[in-house]
């Protein structure tokens, strides 16, 4: 598996983890079990999603510049 395929697959799994943490956060709030650290639980997957998403967004522009130059 090459680097781009690995990054795309990890982005998909991170989106699943992020969605589950947000659902768990809302469920805890509605059940009244919310503790303060639970609010910060979705942030690590969100930051990783941001970095992998930005890489996948700009990758075609960088590869086009390399082949044209």
PDB file of N, CA and C in Angstrom:
ATOM      1  N   UNK A   1       0.853  -1.182   0.000  1.00  0.00           N
ATOM      2  CA  UNK A   1       0.000   0.000   0.000  1.00  0.00           C
ATOM      3  C   UNK A   1       0.893   1.238   0.000  1.00  0.00           C
ATOM      4  N   UNK A   2       0.650   2.126  -0.918  1.00  0.00           N
ATOM      5  CA  UNK A   2       1.495   3.315  -0.981  1.00  0.00           C
ATOM      6  C   UNK A   2       1.014   4.376   0.014  1.00  0.00           C
ATOM      7  N   UNK A   3       1.761   5.437   0.102  1.00  0.00           N
ATOM      8  CA  UNK A   3       1.519   6.478   1.096  1.00  0.00           C
ATOM      9  C   UNK A   3       0.157   7.140   0.910  1.00  0.00           C
ATOM     10  N   UNK A   4      -0.224   7.445  -0.322  1.00  0.00           N
ATOM     11  CA  UNK A   4      -1.490   8.131  -0.575  1.00  0.00           C
ATOM     12  C   UNK A   4      -2.682   7.247  -0.234  1.00  0.00           C
ATOM     13  N   UNK A   5      -2.603   5.971  -0.547  1.00  0.00           N
ATOM     14  CA  UNK A   5      -3.693   5.052  -0.212  1.00  0.00           C
ATOM     15  C   UNK A   5      -3.811   4.892   1.294  1.00  0.00           C
ATOM     16  N   UNK A   6      -2.674   4.817   1.980  1.00  0.00           N
ATOM     17  CA  UNK A   6      -2.697   4.719   3.437  1.00  0.00           C
ATOM     18  C   UNK A   6      -3.307   5.969   4.060  1.00  0.00           C
ATOM     19  N   UNK A   7      -2.959   7.126   3.549  1.00  0.00           N
ATOM     20  CA  UNK A   7      -3.484   8.377   4.087  1.00  0.00           C
ATOM     21  C   UNK A   7      -4.987   8.494   3.850  1.00  0.00           C
ATOM     22  N   UNK A   8      -5.434   8.097   2.677  1.00  0.00           N
ATOM     23  CA  UNK A   8      -6.863   8.144   2.372  1.00  0.00           C
ATOM     24  C   UNK A   8      -7.650   7.184   3.268  1.00  0.00           C
ATOM     25  N   UNK A   9      -7.114   5.978   3.478  1.00  0.00           N
ATOM     26  CA  UNK A   9      -7.781   5.004   4.339  1.00  0.00           C
ATOM     27  C   UNK A   9      -7.791   5.471   5.793  1.00  0.00           C
ATOM     28  N   UNK A  10      -6.700   6.041   6.255  1.00  0.00           N
ATOM     29  CA  UNK A  10      -6.666   6.544   7.634  1.00  0.00           C
ATOM     30  C   UNK A  10      -7.614   7.721   7.807  1.00  0.00           C
ATOM     31  N   UNK A  11      -7.782   8.533   6.762  1.00  0.00           N
ATOM     32  CA  UNK A  11      -8.745   9.637   6.828  1.00  0.00           C
ATOM     33  C   UNK A  11     -10.164   9.105   6.983  1.00  0.00           C
ATOM     34  N   UNK A  12     -10.468   8.035   6.295  1.00  0.00           N
ATOM     35  CA  UNK A  12     -11.796   7.422   6.430  1.00  0.00           C
ATOM     36  C   UNK A  12     -12.024   6.880   7.830  1.00  0.00           C
ATOM     37  N   UNK A  13     -11.034   6.195   8.388  1.00  0.00           N
ATOM     38  CA  UNK A  13     -11.191   5.651   9.732  1.00  0.00           C
ATOM     39  C   UNK A  13     -11.241   6.757  10.780  1.00  0.00           C
ATOM     40  N   UNK A  14     -10.472   7.803  10.567  1.00  0.00           N
ATOM     41  CA  UNK A  14     -10.518   8.935  11.500  1.00  0.00           C
ATOM     42  C   UNK A  14     -11.878   9.616  11.477  1.00  0.00           C
ATOM     43  N   UNK A  15     -12.497   9.690  10.320  1.00  0.00           N
ATOM     44  CA  UNK A  15     -13.826  10.295  10.260  1.00  0.00           C
ATOM     45  C   UNK A  15     -14.829   9.447  11.021  1.00  0.00           C
ATOM     46  N   UNK A  16     -14.680   8.142  10.981  1.00  0.00           N
ATOM     47  CA  UNK A  16     -15.556   7.266  11.755  1.00  0.00           C
ATOM     48  C   UNK A  16     -15.332   7.455  13.253  1.00  0.00           C
ATOM     49  N   UNK A  17     -14.083   7.527  13.673  1.00  0.00           N
ATOM     50  CA  UNK A  17     -13.772   7.745  15.085  1.00  0.00           C
ATOM     51  C   UNK A  17     -14.301   9.101  15.547  1.00  0.00           C
ATOM     52  N   UNK A  18     -14.132  10.130  14.739  1.00  0.00           N
ATOM     53  CA  UNK A  18     -14.626  11.461  15.082  1.00  0.00           C
ATOM     54  C   UNK A  18     -16.149  11.455  15.230  1.00  0.00           C
ATOM     55  N   UNK A  19     -16.840  10.816  14.296  1.00  0.00           N
ATOM     56  CA  UNK A  19     -18.299  10.762  14.360  1.00  0.00           C
ATOM     57  C   UNK A  19     -18.766  10.031  15.609  1.00  0.00           C
ATOM     58  N   UNK A  20     -18.116   8.943  15.953  1.00  0.00           N
ATOM     59  CA  UNK A  20     -18.498   8.196  17.147  1.00  0.00           C
ATOM     60  C   UNK A  20     -18.239   8.985  18.429  1.00  0.00           C
ATOM     61  N   UNK A  21     -17.154   9.739  18.470  1.00  0.00           N
ATOM     62  CA  UNK A  21     -16.893  10.540  19.669  1.00  0.00           C
ATOM     63  C   UNK A  21     -17.894  11.687  19.803  1.00  0.00           C
ATOM     64  N   UNK A  22     -18.326  12.258  18.705  1.00  0.00           N
ATOM     65  CA  UNK A  22     -19.328  13.319  18.767  1.00  0.00           C
ATOM     66  C   UNK A  22     -20.672  12.741  19.210  1.00  0.00           C
ATOM     67  N   UNK A  23     -21.041  11.574  18.694  1.00  0.00           N
ATOM     68  CA  UNK A  23     -22.284  10.930  19.115  1.00  0.00           C
ATOM     69  C   UNK A  23     -22.231  10.576  20.591  1.00  0.00           C
ATOM     70  N   UNK A  24     -21.100  10.051  21.050  1.00  0.00           N
ATOM     71  CA  UNK A  24     -20.950   9.726  22.466  1.00  0.00           C
ATOM     72  C   UNK A  24     -21.020  10.986  23.325  1.00  0.00           C
ATOM     73  N   UNK A  25     -20.489  12.079  22.822  1.00  0.00           N
ATOM     74  CA  UNK A  25     -20.535  13.343  23.545  1.00  0.00           C
ATOM     75  C   UNK A  25     -21.980  13.815  23.716  1.00  0.00           C
ATOM     76  N   UNK A  26     -22.747  13.799  22.639  1.00  0.00           N
ATOM     77  CA  UNK A  26     -24.145  14.212  22.715  1.00  0.00           C
ATOM     78  C   UNK A  26     -24.957  13.272  23.599  1.00  0.00           C
ATOM     79  N   UNK A  27     -24.694  11.977  23.514  1.00  0.00           N
ATOM     80  CA  UNK A  27     -25.416  11.021  24.354  1.00  0.00           C
ATOM     81  C   UNK A  27     -25.124  11.269  25.827  1.00  0.00           C
ATOM     82  N   UNK A  28     -23.885  11.560  26.164  1.00  0.00           N
ATOM     83  CA  UNK A  28     -23.531  11.835  27.561  1.00  0.00           C
ATOM     84  C   UNK A  28     -24.168  13.124  28.045  1.00  0.00           C
ATOM     85  N   UNK A  29     -24.262  14.109  27.177  1.00  0.00           N
ATOM     86  CA  UNK A  29     -24.894  15.377  27.562  1.00  0.00           C
ATOM     87  C   UNK A  29     -26.376  15.159  27.837  1.00  0.00           C
ATOM     88  N   UNK A  30     -27.050  14.422  26.962  1.00  0.00           N
ATOM     89  CA  UNK A  30     -28.484  14.199  27.139  1.00  0.00           C
ATOM     90  C   UNK A  30     -28.791  13.304  28.330  1.00  0.00           C
ATOM     91  N   UNK A  31     -27.873  12.414  28.686  1.00  0.00           N
ATOM     92  CA  UNK A  31     -28.088  11.545  29.846  1.00  0.00           C
ATOM     93  C   UNK A  31     -27.653  12.221  31.138  1.00  0.00           C
ATOM     94  N   UNK A  32     -27.022  13.365  31.038  1.00  0.00           N
ATOM     95  CA  UNK A  32     -26.586  14.080  32.233  1.00  0.00           C
ATOM     96  C   UNK A  32     -25.289  13.567  32.820  1.00  0.00           C
ATOM     97  N   UNK A  33     -24.528  12.805  32.068  1.00  0.00           N
ATOM     98  CA  UNK A  33     -23.277  12.229  32.551  1.00  0.00           C
ATOM     99  C   UNK A  33     -22.051  12.961  32.028  1.00  0.00           C
ATOM    100  N   UNK A  34     -22.238  14.129  31.495  1.00  0.00           N
ATOM    101  CA  UNK A  34     -21.139  14.837  30.854  1.00  0.00           C
ATOM    102  C   UNK A  34     -20.130  15.338  31.889  1.00  0.00           C
ATOM    103  N   UNK A  35     -18.894  14.972  31.657  1.00  0.00           N
ATOM    104  CA  UNK A  35     -17.785  15.512  32.434  1.00  0.00           C
ATOM    105  C   UNK A  35     -16.989  16.418  31.506  1.00  0.00           C
ATOM    106  N   UNK A  36     -16.195  17.291  32.082  1.00  0.00           N
ATOM    107  CA  UNK A  36     -15.552  18.322  31.280  1.00  0.00           C
ATOM    108  C   UNK A  36     -14.565  17.772  30.250  1.00  0.00           C
ATOM    109  N   UNK A  37     -13.837  16.712  30.564  1.00  0.00           N
ATOM    110  CA  UNK A  37     -12.863  16.169  29.621  1.00  0.00           C
ATOM    111  C   UNK A  37     -13.540  15.534  28.415  1.00  0.00           C
ATOM    112  N   UNK A  38     -14.822  15.181  28.547  1.00  0.00           N
ATOM    113  CA  UNK A  38     -15.535  14.567  27.439  1.00  0.00           C
ATOM    114  C   UNK A  38     -15.738  15.544  26.285  1.00  0.00           C
ATOM    115  N   UNK A  39     -15.806  16.830  26.593  1.00  0.00           N
ATOM    116  CA  UNK A  39     -15.981  17.833  25.546  1.00  0.00           C
ATOM    117  C   UNK A  39     -14.754  17.925  24.632  1.00  0.00           C
ATOM    118  N   UNK A  40     -13.604  17.580  25.139  1.00  0.00           N
ATOM    119  CA  UNK A  40     -12.364  17.670  24.370  1.00  0.00           C
ATOM    120  C   UNK A  40     -12.013  16.369  23.649  1.00  0.00           C
ATOM    121  N   UNK A  41     -12.797  15.339  23.844  1.00  0.00           N
ATOM    122  CA  UNK A  41     -12.502  14.042  23.251  1.00  0.00           C
ATOM    123  C   UNK A  41     -12.534  14.050  21.721  1.00  0.00           C
ATOM    124  N   UNK A  42     -13.426  14.787  21.045  1.00  0.00           N
ATOM    125  CA  UNK A  42     -13.406  14.788  19.574  1.00  0.00           C
ATOM    126  C   UNK A  42     -12.273  15.603  18.946  1.00  0.00           C
ATOM    127  N   UNK A  43     -11.542  16.372  19.717  1.00  0.00           N
ATOM    128  CA  UNK A  43     -10.542  17.258  19.131  1.00  0.00           C
ATOM    129  C   UNK A  43      -9.334  16.558  18.503  1.00  0.00           C
ATOM    130  N   UNK A  44      -8.739  15.536  19.123  1.00  0.00           N
ATOM    131  CA  UNK A  44      -7.592  14.885  18.452  1.00  0.00           C
ATOM    132  C   UNK A  44      -7.935  14.285  17.092  1.00  0.00           C
ATOM    133  N   UNK A  45      -9.051  13.536  16.963  1.00  0.00           N
ATOM    134  CA  UNK A  45      -9.359  13.056  15.600  1.00  0.00           C
ATOM    135  C   UNK A  45      -9.677  14.195  14.635  1.00  0.00           C
ATOM    136  N   UNK A  46     -10.253  15.284  15.152  1.00  0.00           N
ATOM    137  CA  UNK A  46     -10.567  16.409  14.282  1.00  0.00           C
ATOM    138  C   UNK A  46      -9.308  17.065  13.739  1.00  0.00           C
ATOM    139  N   UNK A  47      -8.289  17.224  14.564  1.00  0.00           N
ATOM    140  CA  UNK A  47      -7.037  17.806  14.089  1.00  0.00           C
ATOM    141  C   UNK A  47      -6.353  16.894  13.075  1.00  0.00           C
ATOM    142  N   UNK A  48      -6.375  15.575  13.336  1.00  0.00           N
ATOM    143  CA  UNK A  48      -5.789  14.653  12.372  1.00  0.00           C
ATOM    144  C   UNK A  48      -6.571  14.656  11.064  1.00  0.00           C
ATOM    145  N   UNK A  49      -7.902  14.770  11.153  1.00  0.00           N
ATOM    146  CA  UNK A  49      -8.712  14.880   9.939  1.00  0.00           C
ATOM    147  C   UNK A  49      -8.370  16.140   9.169  1.00  0.00           C
ATOM    148  N   UNK A  50      -8.107  17.216   9.882  1.00  0.00           N
ATOM    149  CA  UNK A  50      -7.770  18.468   9.209  1.00  0.00           C
ATOM    150  C   UNK A  50      -6.462  18.326   8.429  1.00  0.00           C
ATOM    151  N   UNK A  51      -5.452  17.732   9.047  1.00  0.00           N
ATOM    152  CA  UNK A  51      -4.157  17.597   8.383  1.00  0.00           C
ATOM    153  C   UNK A  51      -4.223  16.640   7.198  1.00  0.00           C
ATOM    154  N   UNK A  52      -4.892  15.493   7.368  1.00  0.00           N
ATOM    155  CA  UNK A  52      -4.989  14.557   6.253  1.00  0.00           C
ATOM    156  C   UNK A  52      -5.862  15.118   5.134  1.00  0.00           C
ATOM    157  N   UNK A  53      -6.904  15.829   5.500  1.00  0.00           N
ATOM    158  CA  UNK A  53      -7.766  16.434   4.484  1.00  0.00           C
ATOM    159  C   UNK A  53      -7.066  17.526   3.705  1.00  0.00           C
ATOM    160  N   UNK A  54      -6.295  18.352   4.395  1.00  0.00           N
ATOM    161  CA  UNK A  54      -5.550  19.392   3.694  1.00  0.00           C
ATOM    162  C   UNK A  54      -4.498  18.796   2.765  1.00  0.00           C
ATOM    163  N   UNK A  55      -3.860  17.721   3.204  1.00  0.00           N
ATOM    164  CA  UNK A  55      -2.881  17.064   2.342  1.00  0.00           C
ATOM    165  C   UNK A  55      -3.552  16.523   1.083  1.00  0.00           C
ATOM    166  N   UNK A  56      -4.695  15.847   1.256  1.00  0.00           N
ATOM    167  CA  UNK A  56      -5.378  15.288   0.091  1.00  0.00           C
ATOM    168  C   UNK A  56      -5.944  16.376  -0.803  1.00  0.00           C
ATOM    169  N   UNK A  57      -6.304  17.518  -0.239  1.00  0.00           N
ATOM    170  CA  UNK A  57      -6.822  18.611  -1.045  1.00  0.00           C
ATOM    171  C   UNK A  57      -5.733  19.236  -1.914  1.00  0.00           C
ATOM    172  N   UNK A  58      -4.551  19.455  -1.339  1.00  0.00           N
ATOM    173  CA  UNK A  58      -3.483  20.130  -2.075  1.00  0.00           C
ATOM    174  C   UNK A  58      -2.584  19.196  -2.875  1.00  0.00           C
ATOM    175  N   UNK A  59      -2.706  17.888  -2.688  1.00  0.00           N
ATOM    176  CA  UNK A  59      -1.850  16.938  -3.390  1.00  0.00           C
ATOM    177  C   UNK A  59      -1.929  17.045  -4.907  1.00  0.00           C
ATOM    178  N   UNK A  60      -3.107  17.194  -5.512  1.00  0.00           N
ATOM    179  CA  UNK A  60      -3.122  17.326  -6.986  1.00  0.00           C
ATOM    180  C   UNK A  60      -2.403  18.571  -7.486  1.00  0.00           C
ATOM    181  N   UNK A  61      -2.452  19.643  -6.732  1.00  0.00           N
ATOM    182  CA  UNK A  61      -1.772  20.869  -7.165  1.00  0.00           C
ATOM    183  C   UNK A  61      -0.266  20.713  -7.121  1.00  0.00           C
ATOM    184  N   UNK A  62       0.253  20.022  -6.106  1.00  0.00           N
ATOM    185  CA  UNK A  62       1.691  19.819  -6.016  1.00  0.00           C
ATOM    186  C   UNK A  62       2.178  18.820  -7.064  1.00  0.00           C
ATOM    187  N   UNK A  63       1.412  17.788  -7.346  1.00  0.00           N
ATOM    188  CA  UNK A  63       1.854  16.818  -8.341  1.00  0.00           C
ATOM    189  C   UNK A  63       1.781  17.417  -9.742  1.00  0.00           C
ATOM    190  N   UNK A  64       0.816  18.282 -10.001  1.00  0.00           N
ATOM    191  CA  UNK A  64       0.706  18.940 -11.291  1.00  0.00           C
ATOM    192  C   UNK A  64       1.892  19.887 -11.506  1.00  0.00           C
ATOM    193  N   UNK A  65       2.317  20.549 -10.443  1.00  0.00           N
ATOM    194  CA  UNK A  65       3.446  21.472 -10.553  1.00  0.00           C
ATOM    195  C   UNK A  65       4.736  20.703 -10.838  1.00  0.00           C
ATOM    196  N   UNK A  66       4.898  19.524 -10.248  1.00  0.00           N
ATOM    197  CA  UNK A  66       6.089  18.729 -10.487  1.00  0.00           C
ATOM    198  C   UNK A  66       6.158  18.214 -11.905  1.00  0.00           C
ATOM    199  N   UNK A  67       5.037  17.785 -12.453  1.00  0.00           N
ATOM    200  CA  UNK A  67       5.059  17.235 -13.810  1.00  0.00           C
ATOM    201  C   UNK A  67       5.173  18.318 -14.864  1.00  0.00           C
ATOM    202  N   UNK A  68       4.646  19.529 -14.577  1.00  0.00           N
ATOM    203  CA  UNK A  68       4.715  20.603 -15.554  1.00  0.00           C
ATOM    204  C   UNK A  68       6.093  21.257 -15.598  1.00  0.00           C
ATOM    205  N   UNK A  69       6.814  21.214 -14.470  1.00  0.00           N
ATOM    206  CA  UNK A  69       8.087  21.916 -14.370  1.00  0.00           C
ATOM    207  C   UNK A  69       9.197  21.157 -14.943  1.00  0.00           C
TER     208      UNK A  69
END
